């Protein structure tokens, strides 16, 4: 239950923060500064040990970690508000440019596929791809990316040691890791665990009663993996687990816990919030308000996309800054509507 209600609390926190100090530019500047500080912390590993840059992506991530989405959010804010750094964010142009470069390096330096997807969504929002009648601008690149993924699987040996260690090989394996199935060979389950757990969860869902399909199996429901996997972190290492209740795929999480009805409600909320951002971006308001609308669209589309592969808003660690920003912008427009 906490995984479902926690995102609401984070968004509410952002809403309250704006309500206490209703200043759009000042609040967004705080997000950018936080992004810079976290980016510098992420880059410290390269400063301490410059030879890291020569290692494969897999080894670098084991040393410096998987990174945070705080620099991602700060980077996207600067991108969306290009040309308004001084007027809205009250940042000197040269300083904002330096901050943008530092955060871009930090995001690239952790070799995170999901972070790159979120930045790509930010760029799409920047050029207005999520406006009315503009979805073809997103659809065409998405189709090309999927096609590139299929070609990569044909021409890249995704099972080789190089593919498992390098970022290029990791990118080539993306579709393979997300292709649903519970009959994956035992030796490949670790590599394709997202697909394996999703397949097991869907099998359990399909075997349930009609009421459990509609309304879920309850917050305490768990899925039998069929094997014991070392998933639970302890002080001495990893402990074997056979039943799991949290999934990489947030849509599967909802389907298991609250059923089809709960999943449809979640999608309906995302669609509603998205239309709020699209309406704000399309209104003949100031350029600042239009940019804020595009930024809000970025947040909602990011949550919808990341729900598929890193649990989205149910991933309370990664998506915290995106949820906080969403609540902050909601409060901004609510106060403007009441004014």
C-alpha atoms as a PDB file:
ATOM      1  CA  UNK A   1       0.000   0.000   0.000  1.00  0.00           C
ATOM      2  CA  UNK A   2       2.872   2.364   0.792  1.00  0.00           C
ATOM      3  CA  UNK A   3       4.215   2.040  -2.762  1.00  0.00           C
ATOM      4  CA  UNK A   4       0.882   3.287  -4.097  1.00  0.00           C
ATOM      5  CA  UNK A   5       0.292   6.116  -1.619  1.00  0.00           C
ATOM      6  CA  UNK A   6       3.907   7.312  -1.348  1.00  0.00           C
ATOM      7  CA  UNK A   7       3.861   9.069  -4.781  1.00  0.00           C
ATOM      8  CA  UNK A   8       0.794  11.050  -3.693  1.00  0.00           C
ATOM      9  CA  UNK A   9       2.636  12.239  -0.579  1.00  0.00           C
ATOM     10  CA  UNK A  10       5.660  13.334  -2.639  1.00  0.00           C
ATOM     11  CA  UNK A  11       3.472  15.279  -5.071  1.00  0.00           C
ATOM     12  CA  UNK A  12       1.625  16.811  -2.125  1.00  0.00           C
ATOM     13  CA  UNK A  13       4.978  17.911  -0.698  1.00  0.00           C
ATOM     14  CA  UNK A  14       5.767  19.731  -3.940  1.00  0.00           C
ATOM     15  CA  UNK A  15       2.297  21.288  -3.880  1.00  0.00           C
ATOM     16  CA  UNK A  16       2.808  22.541  -0.311  1.00  0.00           C
ATOM     17  CA  UNK A  17       6.281  23.890  -1.082  1.00  0.00           C
ATOM     18  CA  UNK A  18       4.889  26.120  -3.815  1.00  0.00           C
ATOM     19  CA  UNK A  19       1.914  27.136  -1.674  1.00  0.00           C
ATOM     20  CA  UNK A  20       4.290  28.293   1.084  1.00  0.00           C
ATOM     21  CA  UNK A  21       6.401  30.336  -1.348  1.00  0.00           C
ATOM     22  CA  UNK A  22       4.446  30.942  -4.597  1.00  0.00           C
ATOM     23  CA  UNK A  23       7.350  31.875  -6.851  1.00  0.00           C
ATOM     24  CA  UNK A  24       7.750  29.790 -10.031  1.00  0.00           C
ATOM     25  CA  UNK A  25      11.211  31.018 -10.995  1.00  0.00           C
ATOM     26  CA  UNK A  26      12.637  30.701  -7.498  1.00  0.00           C
ATOM     27  CA  UNK A  27      11.309  27.175  -7.094  1.00  0.00           C
ATOM     28  CA  UNK A  28      12.609  25.990 -10.460  1.00  0.00           C
ATOM     29  CA  UNK A  29      15.985  27.558  -9.675  1.00  0.00           C
ATOM     30  CA  UNK A  30      16.092  25.454  -6.498  1.00  0.00           C
ATOM     31  CA  UNK A  31      15.533  22.304  -8.591  1.00  0.00           C
ATOM     32  CA  UNK A  32      18.380  23.337 -10.911  1.00  0.00           C
ATOM     33  CA  UNK A  33      20.785  24.065  -8.039  1.00  0.00           C
ATOM     34  CA  UNK A  34      19.933  20.724  -6.433  1.00  0.00           C
ATOM     35  CA  UNK A  35      20.606  19.050  -9.778  1.00  0.00           C
ATOM     36  CA  UNK A  36      24.002  20.733 -10.004  1.00  0.00           C
ATOM     37  CA  UNK A  37      25.023  19.669  -6.495  1.00  0.00           C
ATOM     38  CA  UNK A  38      24.040  16.042  -7.086  1.00  0.00           C
ATOM     39  CA  UNK A  39      25.751  16.126 -10.494  1.00  0.00           C
ATOM     40  CA  UNK A  40      29.007  17.264  -8.894  1.00  0.00           C
ATOM     41  CA  UNK A  41      28.685  14.462  -6.356  1.00  0.00           C
ATOM     42  CA  UNK A  42      28.171  11.914  -9.152  1.00  0.00           C
ATOM     43  CA  UNK A  43      31.191  13.227 -11.062  1.00  0.00           C
ATOM     44  CA  UNK A  44      33.483  13.080  -8.036  1.00  0.00           C
ATOM     45  CA  UNK A  45      34.445   9.496  -8.909  1.00  0.00           C
ATOM     46  CA  UNK A  46      35.911  10.604 -12.227  1.00  0.00           C
ATOM     47  CA  UNK A  47      37.800  13.432 -10.516  1.00  0.00           C
ATOM     48  CA  UNK A  48      39.268  11.064  -7.907  1.00  0.00           C
ATOM     49  CA  UNK A  49      40.078   8.307 -10.400  1.00  0.00           C
ATOM     50  CA  UNK A  50      40.294   9.667 -13.996  1.00  0.00           C
ATOM     51  CA  UNK A  51      41.232   6.215 -15.310  1.00  0.00           C
ATOM     52  CA  UNK A  52      37.588   5.182 -14.806  1.00  0.00           C
ATOM     53  CA  UNK A  53      36.806   6.654 -18.203  1.00  0.00           C
ATOM     54  CA  UNK A  54      38.800   3.821 -19.796  1.00  0.00           C
ATOM     55  CA  UNK A  55      36.684   1.084 -18.193  1.00  0.00           C
ATOM     56  CA  UNK A  56      33.560  -0.519 -19.708  1.00  0.00           C
ATOM     57  CA  UNK A  57      30.229   0.987 -18.675  1.00  0.00           C
ATOM     58  CA  UNK A  58      29.338  -1.982 -16.469  1.00  0.00           C
ATOM     59  CA  UNK A  59      32.475  -1.614 -14.359  1.00  0.00           C
ATOM     60  CA  UNK A  60      32.080   2.171 -14.114  1.00  0.00           C
ATOM     61  CA  UNK A  61      28.534   1.777 -12.753  1.00  0.00           C
ATOM     62  CA  UNK A  62      29.777  -0.654 -10.112  1.00  0.00           C
ATOM     63  CA  UNK A  63      32.245   1.998  -8.915  1.00  0.00           C
ATOM     64  CA  UNK A  64      30.241   5.243  -9.115  1.00  0.00           C
ATOM     65  CA  UNK A  65      26.719   3.832  -8.799  1.00  0.00           C
ATOM     66  CA  UNK A  66      23.612   4.135 -10.938  1.00  0.00           C
ATOM     67  CA  UNK A  67      23.138   7.870 -10.453  1.00  0.00           C
ATOM     68  CA  UNK A  68      20.195  10.058  -9.477  1.00  0.00           C
ATOM     69  CA  UNK A  69      17.368  11.689 -11.422  1.00  0.00           C
ATOM     70  CA  UNK A  70      17.894  15.033  -9.667  1.00  0.00           C
ATOM     71  CA  UNK A  71      20.457  16.148 -12.307  1.00  0.00           C
ATOM     72  CA  UNK A  72      18.103  14.838 -15.010  1.00  0.00           C
ATOM     73  CA  UNK A  73      15.306  17.113 -13.779  1.00  0.00           C
ATOM     74  CA  UNK A  74      17.666  20.080 -13.406  1.00  0.00           C
ATOM     75  CA  UNK A  75      19.002  19.517 -16.926  1.00  0.00           C
ATOM     76  CA  UNK A  76      15.511  19.330 -18.442  1.00  0.00           C
ATOM     77  CA  UNK A  77      14.407  22.531 -16.651  1.00  0.00           C
ATOM     78  CA  UNK A  78      17.355  24.391 -18.168  1.00  0.00           C
ATOM     79  CA  UNK A  79      16.595  22.952 -21.604  1.00  0.00           C
ATOM     80  CA  UNK A  80      12.896  23.847 -21.477  1.00  0.00           C
ATOM     81  CA  UNK A  81      13.658  27.364 -20.255  1.00  0.00           C
ATOM     82  CA  UNK A  82      16.433  28.083 -22.762  1.00  0.00           C
ATOM     83  CA  UNK A  83      16.410  31.820 -23.438  1.00  0.00           C
ATOM     84  CA  UNK A  84      14.702  32.494 -20.091  1.00  0.00           C
ATOM     85  CA  UNK A  85      17.526  31.618 -17.727  1.00  0.00           C
ATOM     86  CA  UNK A  86      18.043  35.212 -16.652  1.00  0.00           C
ATOM     87  CA  UNK A  87      14.430  36.452 -16.811  1.00  0.00           C
ATOM     88  CA  UNK A  88      12.710  33.475 -15.129  1.00  0.00           C
ATOM     89  CA  UNK A  89      15.353  31.502 -13.237  1.00  0.00           C
ATOM     90  CA  UNK A  90      17.385  34.596 -12.310  1.00  0.00           C
ATOM     91  CA  UNK A  91      20.591  32.819 -13.335  1.00  0.00           C
ATOM     92  CA  UNK A  92      23.378  34.521 -15.322  1.00  0.00           C
ATOM     93  CA  UNK A  93      23.529  33.017 -18.804  1.00  0.00           C
ATOM     94  CA  UNK A  94      27.149  31.889 -18.425  1.00  0.00           C
ATOM     95  CA  UNK A  95      26.421  30.193 -15.097  1.00  0.00           C
ATOM     96  CA  UNK A  96      23.314  28.418 -16.403  1.00  0.00           C
ATOM     97  CA  UNK A  97      25.322  27.190 -19.412  1.00  0.00           C
ATOM     98  CA  UNK A  98      28.033  25.782 -17.123  1.00  0.00           C
ATOM     99  CA  UNK A  99      25.391  24.115 -14.947  1.00  0.00           C
ATOM    100  CA  UNK A 100      23.788  22.569 -18.027  1.00  0.00           C
ATOM    101  CA  UNK A 101      27.118  21.128 -19.193  1.00  0.00           C
ATOM    102  CA  UNK A 102      27.965  19.725 -15.750  1.00  0.00           C
ATOM    103  CA  UNK A 103      24.563  18.053 -15.383  1.00  0.00           C
ATOM    104  CA  UNK A 104      24.716  16.668 -18.923  1.00  0.00           C
ATOM    105  CA  UNK A 105      28.114  15.116 -18.159  1.00  0.00           C
ATOM    106  CA  UNK A 106      26.786  13.646 -14.903  1.00  0.00           C
ATOM    107  CA  UNK A 107      23.768  12.112 -16.629  1.00  0.00           C
ATOM    108  CA  UNK A 108      25.924  10.670 -19.421  1.00  0.00           C
ATOM    109  CA  UNK A 109      28.539   9.500 -16.936  1.00  0.00           C
ATOM    110  CA  UNK A 110      26.301   6.959 -15.192  1.00  0.00           C
ATOM    111  CA  UNK A 111      25.351   5.188 -18.454  1.00  0.00           C
ATOM    112  CA  UNK A 112      21.676   4.886 -17.521  1.00  0.00           C
ATOM    113  CA  UNK A 113      19.292   3.951 -20.324  1.00  0.00           C
ATOM    114  CA  UNK A 114      16.222   5.100 -18.404  1.00  0.00           C
ATOM    115  CA  UNK A 115      17.836   8.478 -17.635  1.00  0.00           C
ATOM    116  CA  UNK A 116      18.547   8.981 -21.331  1.00  0.00           C
ATOM    117  CA  UNK A 117      14.920   8.156 -22.126  1.00  0.00           C
ATOM    118  CA  UNK A 118      13.753  10.784 -19.625  1.00  0.00           C
ATOM    119  CA  UNK A 119      16.111  13.395 -21.090  1.00  0.00           C
ATOM    120  CA  UNK A 120      14.791  12.496 -24.546  1.00  0.00           C
ATOM    121  CA  UNK A 121      11.238  13.108 -23.304  1.00  0.00           C
ATOM    122  CA  UNK A 122      12.412  16.480 -21.998  1.00  0.00           C
ATOM    123  CA  UNK A 123      13.797  17.376 -25.436  1.00  0.00           C
ATOM    124  CA  UNK A 124      10.520  16.298 -27.051  1.00  0.00           C
ATOM    125  CA  UNK A 125       8.619  18.544 -24.639  1.00  0.00           C
ATOM    126  CA  UNK A 126      11.017  21.407 -25.400  1.00  0.00           C
ATOM    127  CA  UNK A 127      10.177  21.407 -29.114  1.00  0.00           C
ATOM    128  CA  UNK A 128       6.452  21.010 -28.488  1.00  0.00           C
ATOM    129  CA  UNK A 129       6.057  17.370 -29.535  1.00  0.00           C
ATOM    130  CA  UNK A 130       3.288  16.745 -27.004  1.00  0.00           C
ATOM    131  CA  UNK A 131       0.973  19.445 -28.286  1.00  0.00           C
ATOM    132  CA  UNK A 132      -2.272  18.808 -30.127  1.00  0.00           C
ATOM    133  CA  UNK A 133      -1.659  17.144 -33.481  1.00  0.00           C
ATOM    134  CA  UNK A 134       2.094  16.864 -32.916  1.00  0.00           C
ATOM    135  CA  UNK A 135       2.303  13.235 -31.783  1.00  0.00           C
ATOM    136  CA  UNK A 136       3.738  12.179 -35.144  1.00  0.00           C
ATOM    137  CA  UNK A 137       6.943  13.920 -34.101  1.00  0.00           C
ATOM    138  CA  UNK A 138       7.197  11.467 -31.221  1.00  0.00           C
ATOM    139  CA  UNK A 139       5.758   8.428 -33.000  1.00  0.00           C
ATOM    140  CA  UNK A 140       8.195   8.456 -35.906  1.00  0.00           C
ATOM    141  CA  UNK A 141      11.381   8.543 -33.747  1.00  0.00           C
ATOM    142  CA  UNK A 142       9.848   5.905 -31.448  1.00  0.00           C
ATOM    143  CA  UNK A 143       9.214   3.563 -34.391  1.00  0.00           C
ATOM    144  CA  UNK A 144      12.762   4.146 -35.646  1.00  0.00           C
ATOM    145  CA  UNK A 145      14.175   3.397 -32.187  1.00  0.00           C
ATOM    146  CA  UNK A 146      12.239   0.121 -31.954  1.00  0.00           C
ATOM    147  CA  UNK A 147      13.418  -0.824 -35.448  1.00  0.00           C
ATOM    148  CA  UNK A 148      16.999  -0.018 -34.439  1.00  0.00           C
ATOM    149  CA  UNK A 149      16.524  -2.253 -31.397  1.00  0.00           C
ATOM    150  CA  UNK A 150      15.447  -5.199 -33.556  1.00  0.00           C
ATOM    151  CA  UNK A 151      18.375  -4.655 -35.934  1.00  0.00           C
ATOM    152  CA  UNK A 152      20.776  -4.454 -32.989  1.00  0.00           C
ATOM    153  CA  UNK A 153      19.610  -7.851 -31.756  1.00  0.00           C
ATOM    154  CA  UNK A 154      20.226  -9.293 -35.215  1.00  0.00           C
ATOM    155  CA  UNK A 155      23.730  -7.938 -35.697  1.00  0.00           C
ATOM    156  CA  UNK A 156      25.077  -7.675 -32.120  1.00  0.00           C
ATOM    157  CA  UNK A 157      25.966 -10.726 -30.036  1.00  0.00           C
ATOM    158  CA  UNK A 158      23.986  -9.650 -26.971  1.00  0.00           C
ATOM    159  CA  UNK A 159      25.183 -12.666 -24.978  1.00  0.00           C
ATOM    160  CA  UNK A 160      28.880 -11.878 -25.325  1.00  0.00           C
ATOM    161  CA  UNK A 161      30.943 -10.545 -22.431  1.00  0.00           C
ATOM    162  CA  UNK A 162      31.471  -7.286 -24.337  1.00  0.00           C
ATOM    163  CA  UNK A 163      27.728  -6.739 -24.759  1.00  0.00           C
ATOM    164  CA  UNK A 164      27.188  -7.329 -21.051  1.00  0.00           C
ATOM    165  CA  UNK A 165      29.845  -4.794 -20.065  1.00  0.00           C
ATOM    166  CA  UNK A 166      29.634  -1.968 -22.635  1.00  0.00           C
ATOM    167  CA  UNK A 167      26.902   0.649 -22.868  1.00  0.00           C
ATOM    168  CA  UNK A 168      26.379  -0.069 -26.571  1.00  0.00           C
ATOM    169  CA  UNK A 169      25.803  -3.734 -25.821  1.00  0.00           C
ATOM    170  CA  UNK A 170      23.474  -2.780 -23.011  1.00  0.00           C
ATOM    171  CA  UNK A 171      21.442  -0.631 -25.390  1.00  0.00           C
ATOM    172  CA  UNK A 172      21.308  -3.502 -27.882  1.00  0.00           C
ATOM    173  CA  UNK A 173      19.921  -5.796 -25.170  1.00  0.00           C
ATOM    174  CA  UNK A 174      17.086  -3.436 -24.183  1.00  0.00           C
ATOM    175  CA  UNK A 175      14.246  -5.049 -26.152  1.00  0.00           C
ATOM    176  CA  UNK A 176      15.447  -8.505 -25.170  1.00  0.00           C
ATOM    177  CA  UNK A 177      15.304  -7.582 -21.477  1.00  0.00           C
ATOM    178  CA  UNK A 178      11.780  -6.192 -21.814  1.00  0.00           C
ATOM    179  CA  UNK A 179      10.263  -8.950 -23.976  1.00  0.00           C
ATOM    180  CA  UNK A 180       7.740 -10.647 -21.684  1.00  0.00           C
ATOM    181  CA  UNK A 181       8.168 -14.334 -20.951  1.00  0.00           C
ATOM    182  CA  UNK A 182       8.383 -16.803 -18.066  1.00  0.00           C
ATOM    183  CA  UNK A 183      10.031 -19.617 -20.029  1.00  0.00           C
ATOM    184  CA  UNK A 184      13.428 -17.920 -20.194  1.00  0.00           C
ATOM    185  CA  UNK A 185      16.328 -20.350 -19.839  1.00  0.00           C
ATOM    186  CA  UNK A 186      17.635 -20.545 -16.288  1.00  0.00           C
ATOM    187  CA  UNK A 187      21.051 -19.196 -17.303  1.00  0.00           C
ATOM    188  CA  UNK A 188      19.407 -16.094 -18.826  1.00  0.00           C
ATOM    189  CA  UNK A 189      16.990 -15.197 -16.012  1.00  0.00           C
ATOM    190  CA  UNK A 190      19.483 -12.875 -14.324  1.00  0.00           C
ATOM    191  CA  UNK A 191      20.090 -11.032 -17.574  1.00  0.00           C
ATOM    192  CA  UNK A 192      16.406 -10.779 -18.510  1.00  0.00           C
ATOM    193  CA  UNK A 193      14.859 -10.636 -15.051  1.00  0.00           C
ATOM    194  CA  UNK A 194      12.434  -7.805 -15.925  1.00  0.00           C
ATOM    195  CA  UNK A 195      10.896  -9.962 -18.631  1.00  0.00           C
ATOM    196  CA  UNK A 196      10.873 -13.074 -16.452  1.00  0.00           C
ATOM    197  CA  UNK A 197       9.132 -11.482 -13.447  1.00  0.00           C
ATOM    198  CA  UNK A 198       6.557  -9.851 -15.733  1.00  0.00           C
ATOM    199  CA  UNK A 199       5.775 -13.165 -17.385  1.00  0.00           C
ATOM    200  CA  UNK A 200       5.317 -14.909 -14.013  1.00  0.00           C
ATOM    201  CA  UNK A 201       3.060 -12.101 -12.769  1.00  0.00           C
ATOM    202  CA  UNK A 202       0.880 -12.211 -15.896  1.00  0.00           C
ATOM    203  CA  UNK A 203       0.514 -15.985 -15.563  1.00  0.00           C
ATOM    204  CA  UNK A 204      -0.619 -15.599 -11.942  1.00  0.00           C
ATOM    205  CA  UNK A 205      -3.027 -12.824 -12.934  1.00  0.00           C
ATOM    206  CA  UNK A 206      -4.540 -14.931 -15.732  1.00  0.00           C
ATOM    207  CA  UNK A 207      -5.025 -17.880 -13.363  1.00  0.00           C
ATOM    208  CA  UNK A 208      -6.967 -15.778 -10.846  1.00  0.00           C
ATOM    209  CA  UNK A 209     -10.702 -15.378 -10.363  1.00  0.00           C
ATOM    210  CA  UNK A 210     -12.760 -12.698 -12.108  1.00  0.00           C
ATOM    211  CA  UNK A 211     -12.972 -10.527  -8.933  1.00  0.00           C
ATOM    212  CA  UNK A 212      -9.186 -10.716  -8.426  1.00  0.00           C
ATOM    213  CA  UNK A 213      -8.642  -9.768 -12.067  1.00  0.00           C
ATOM    214  CA  UNK A 214     -10.934  -6.758 -11.702  1.00  0.00           C
ATOM    215  CA  UNK A 215      -9.938  -5.541  -8.243  1.00  0.00           C
ATOM    216  CA  UNK A 216      -6.565  -7.198  -7.636  1.00  0.00           C
ATOM    217  CA  UNK A 217      -5.191  -9.656  -5.121  1.00  0.00           C
ATOM    218  CA  UNK A 218      -4.553  -7.076  -2.396  1.00  0.00           C
ATOM    219  CA  UNK A 219      -1.547  -5.040  -1.340  1.00  0.00           C
ATOM    220  CA  UNK A 220       0.060  -8.068   0.290  1.00  0.00           C
ATOM    221  CA  UNK A 221      -0.066 -10.209  -2.864  1.00  0.00           C
ATOM    222  CA  UNK A 222       3.195 -11.715  -4.068  1.00  0.00           C
ATOM    223  CA  UNK A 223       4.200 -13.578  -7.213  1.00  0.00           C
ATOM    224  CA  UNK A 224       5.947 -16.957  -7.128  1.00  0.00           C
ATOM    225  CA  UNK A 225       9.091 -16.750  -9.256  1.00  0.00           C
ATOM    226  CA  UNK A 226       9.335 -20.525  -9.450  1.00  0.00           C
ATOM    227  CA  UNK A 227      12.979 -20.314  -8.371  1.00  0.00           C
ATOM    228  CA  UNK A 228      14.899 -18.649  -5.560  1.00  0.00           C
ATOM    229  CA  UNK A 229      16.679 -15.470  -6.597  1.00  0.00           C
ATOM    230  CA  UNK A 230      19.254 -13.451  -4.543  1.00  0.00           C
ATOM    231  CA  UNK A 231      17.200 -10.235  -4.452  1.00  0.00           C
ATOM    232  CA  UNK A 232      16.964  -9.109  -0.834  1.00  0.00           C
ATOM    233  CA  UNK A 233      19.885  -6.998   0.377  1.00  0.00           C
ATOM    234  CA  UNK A 234      21.229  -7.855   3.834  1.00  0.00           C
ATOM    235  CA  UNK A 235      24.255  -6.734   5.847  1.00  0.00           C
ATOM    236  CA  UNK A 236      26.200  -9.770   4.672  1.00  0.00           C
ATOM    237  CA  UNK A 237      25.109  -9.808   1.035  1.00  0.00           C
ATOM    238  CA  UNK A 238      21.996 -10.949  -0.796  1.00  0.00           C
ATOM    239  CA  UNK A 239      19.350 -13.317   0.557  1.00  0.00           C
ATOM    240  CA  UNK A 240      17.423 -15.688  -1.667  1.00  0.00           C
ATOM    241  CA  UNK A 241      13.770 -14.807  -2.362  1.00  0.00           C
ATOM    242  CA  UNK A 242      11.132 -16.886  -4.141  1.00  0.00           C
ATOM    243  CA  UNK A 243       8.046 -14.648  -3.805  1.00  0.00           C
ATOM    244  CA  UNK A 244       8.161 -10.954  -4.750  1.00  0.00           C
ATOM    245  CA  UNK A 245       5.577  -8.208  -4.294  1.00  0.00           C
ATOM    246  CA  UNK A 246       7.375  -5.335  -6.051  1.00  0.00           C
ATOM    247  CA  UNK A 247       8.154  -5.295  -9.772  1.00  0.00           C
ATOM    248  CA  UNK A 248      10.220  -3.301 -12.252  1.00  0.00           C
ATOM    249  CA  UNK A 249       7.058  -2.893 -14.330  1.00  0.00           C
ATOM    250  CA  UNK A 250       4.709  -0.585 -12.394  1.00  0.00           C
ATOM    251  CA  UNK A 251       1.748  -1.493 -14.597  1.00  0.00           C
ATOM    252  CA  UNK A 252       2.193  -5.131 -13.608  1.00  0.00           C
ATOM    253  CA  UNK A 253       2.469  -4.037  -9.980  1.00  0.00           C
ATOM    254  CA  UNK A 254      -0.934  -2.329 -10.208  1.00  0.00           C
ATOM    255  CA  UNK A 255      -2.479  -5.216 -12.120  1.00  0.00           C
ATOM    256  CA  UNK A 256      -1.410  -7.629  -9.376  1.00  0.00           C
ATOM    257  CA  UNK A 257      -2.347  -5.463  -6.398  1.00  0.00           C
ATOM    258  CA  UNK A 258      -5.474  -3.567  -7.524  1.00  0.00           C
ATOM    259  CA  UNK A 259      -6.487  -5.283 -10.741  1.00  0.00           C
ATOM    260  CA  UNK A 260      -7.751  -3.931 -14.039  1.00  0.00           C
ATOM    261  CA  UNK A 261      -9.910  -1.313 -12.314  1.00  0.00           C
ATOM    262  CA  UNK A 262      -6.974   0.141 -10.385  1.00  0.00           C
ATOM    263  CA  UNK A 263      -4.751   0.085 -13.467  1.00  0.00           C
ATOM    264  CA  UNK A 264      -7.361   1.959 -15.525  1.00  0.00           C
ATOM    265  CA  UNK A 265      -7.757   4.550 -12.754  1.00  0.00           C
ATOM    266  CA  UNK A 266      -3.985   5.115 -12.755  1.00  0.00           C
ATOM    267  CA  UNK A 267      -3.925   5.555 -16.532  1.00  0.00           C
ATOM    268  CA  UNK A 268      -6.928   7.910 -16.307  1.00  0.00           C
ATOM    269  CA  UNK A 269      -5.104  10.099 -13.755  1.00  0.00           C
ATOM    270  CA  UNK A 270      -2.024  10.273 -15.980  1.00  0.00           C
ATOM    271  CA  UNK A 271      -4.148  11.197 -19.006  1.00  0.00           C
ATOM    272  CA  UNK A 272      -5.979  13.890 -17.027  1.00  0.00           C
ATOM    273  CA  UNK A 273      -2.756  15.424 -15.718  1.00  0.00           C
ATOM    274  CA  UNK A 274      -1.251  15.302 -19.207  1.00  0.00           C
ATOM    275  CA  UNK A 275      -4.218  17.206 -20.647  1.00  0.00           C
ATOM    276  CA  UNK A 276      -3.760  19.840 -17.930  1.00  0.00           C
ATOM    277  CA  UNK A 277      -0.185  20.404 -19.071  1.00  0.00           C
ATOM    278  CA  UNK A 278      -1.133  20.389 -22.751  1.00  0.00           C
ATOM    279  CA  UNK A 279      -3.862  22.951 -22.148  1.00  0.00           C
ATOM    280  CA  UNK A 280      -1.464  25.225 -20.286  1.00  0.00           C
ATOM    281  CA  UNK A 281       1.181  24.919 -22.989  1.00  0.00           C
ATOM    282  CA  UNK A 282      -1.361  25.738 -25.710  1.00  0.00           C
ATOM    283  CA  UNK A 283      -3.049  28.735 -24.053  1.00  0.00           C
ATOM    284  CA  UNK A 284      -2.079  32.202 -25.316  1.00  0.00           C
ATOM    285  CA  UNK A 285      -0.217  32.904 -22.101  1.00  0.00           C
ATOM    286  CA  UNK A 286       3.280  34.254 -21.572  1.00  0.00           C
ATOM    287  CA  UNK A 287       6.230  32.258 -22.850  1.00  0.00           C
ATOM    288  CA  UNK A 288       7.051  31.438 -19.236  1.00  0.00           C
ATOM    289  CA  UNK A 289       3.669  29.791 -18.646  1.00  0.00           C
ATOM    290  CA  UNK A 290       3.873  27.896 -21.926  1.00  0.00           C
ATOM    291  CA  UNK A 291       7.313  26.608 -20.955  1.00  0.00           C
ATOM    292  CA  UNK A 292       5.942  25.561 -17.555  1.00  0.00           C
ATOM    293  CA  UNK A 293       3.196  23.670 -19.372  1.00  0.00           C
ATOM    294  CA  UNK A 294       5.750  21.809 -21.496  1.00  0.00           C
ATOM    295  CA  UNK A 295       7.750  21.049 -18.357  1.00  0.00           C
ATOM    296  CA  UNK A 296       4.629  19.580 -16.751  1.00  0.00           C
ATOM    297  CA  UNK A 297       4.047  17.453 -19.863  1.00  0.00           C
ATOM    298  CA  UNK A 298       7.612  16.213 -19.529  1.00  0.00           C
ATOM    299  CA  UNK A 299       6.904  15.111 -15.960  1.00  0.00           C
ATOM    300  CA  UNK A 300       3.715  13.207 -16.769  1.00  0.00           C
ATOM    301  CA  UNK A 301       5.052  11.509 -19.915  1.00  0.00           C
ATOM    302  CA  UNK A 302       8.217  10.557 -18.002  1.00  0.00           C
ATOM    303  CA  UNK A 303       6.151   8.952 -15.246  1.00  0.00           C
ATOM    304  CA  UNK A 304       4.052   7.054 -17.801  1.00  0.00           C
ATOM    305  CA  UNK A 305       7.139   5.804 -19.687  1.00  0.00           C
ATOM    306  CA  UNK A 306       9.278   4.885 -16.686  1.00  0.00           C
ATOM    307  CA  UNK A 307       6.374   3.023 -15.067  1.00  0.00           C
ATOM    308  CA  UNK A 308       7.026   0.352 -17.695  1.00  0.00           C
ATOM    309  CA  UNK A 309      10.667  -0.397 -16.889  1.00  0.00           C
ATOM    310  CA  UNK A 310      11.636   1.094 -13.481  1.00  0.00           C
ATOM    311  CA  UNK A 311       8.193   1.250 -11.795  1.00  0.00           C
ATOM    312  CA  UNK A 312       7.773   4.977 -12.514  1.00  0.00           C
ATOM    313  CA  UNK A 313       6.129   6.900  -9.703  1.00  0.00           C
ATOM    314  CA  UNK A 314       6.138   3.744  -7.565  1.00  0.00           C
ATOM    315  CA  UNK A 315       9.940   3.894  -7.606  1.00  0.00           C
ATOM    316  CA  UNK A 316      10.132   6.295  -4.683  1.00  0.00           C
ATOM    317  CA  UNK A 317      13.883   6.707  -5.031  1.00  0.00           C
ATOM    318  CA  UNK A 318      14.393   7.486  -8.712  1.00  0.00           C
ATOM    319  CA  UNK A 319      11.210   9.401  -9.512  1.00  0.00           C
ATOM    320  CA  UNK A 320      11.157  11.547  -6.361  1.00  0.00           C
ATOM    321  CA  UNK A 321      12.336  14.768  -8.124  1.00  0.00           C
ATOM    322  CA  UNK A 322       9.876  14.301 -11.004  1.00  0.00           C
ATOM    323  CA  UNK A 323       6.968  13.811  -8.592  1.00  0.00           C
ATOM    324  CA  UNK A 324       8.056  16.807  -6.520  1.00  0.00           C
ATOM    325  CA  UNK A 325       8.222  18.975  -9.658  1.00  0.00           C
ATOM    326  CA  UNK A 326       4.775  17.783 -10.762  1.00  0.00           C
ATOM    327  CA  UNK A 327       3.173  18.739  -7.457  1.00  0.00           C
ATOM    328  CA  UNK A 328       5.011  22.081  -7.504  1.00  0.00           C
ATOM    329  CA  UNK A 329       3.644  22.981 -10.961  1.00  0.00           C
ATOM    330  CA  UNK A 330       0.119  21.847 -10.045  1.00  0.00           C
ATOM    331  CA  UNK A 331       0.109  24.278  -7.129  1.00  0.00           C
ATOM    332  CA  UNK A 332       1.383  27.050  -9.407  1.00  0.00           C
ATOM    333  CA  UNK A 333      -1.532  26.689 -11.825  1.00  0.00           C
ATOM    334  CA  UNK A 334      -4.081  26.190  -9.080  1.00  0.00           C
ATOM    335  CA  UNK A 335      -3.113  29.509  -7.489  1.00  0.00           C
ATOM    336  CA  UNK A 336      -3.161  31.261 -10.868  1.00  0.00           C
ATOM    337  CA  UNK A 337      -6.659  29.890 -11.532  1.00  0.00           C
ATOM    338  CA  UNK A 338      -7.858  31.145  -8.140  1.00  0.00           C
ATOM    339  CA  UNK A 339      -6.302  34.592  -8.620  1.00  0.00           C
END
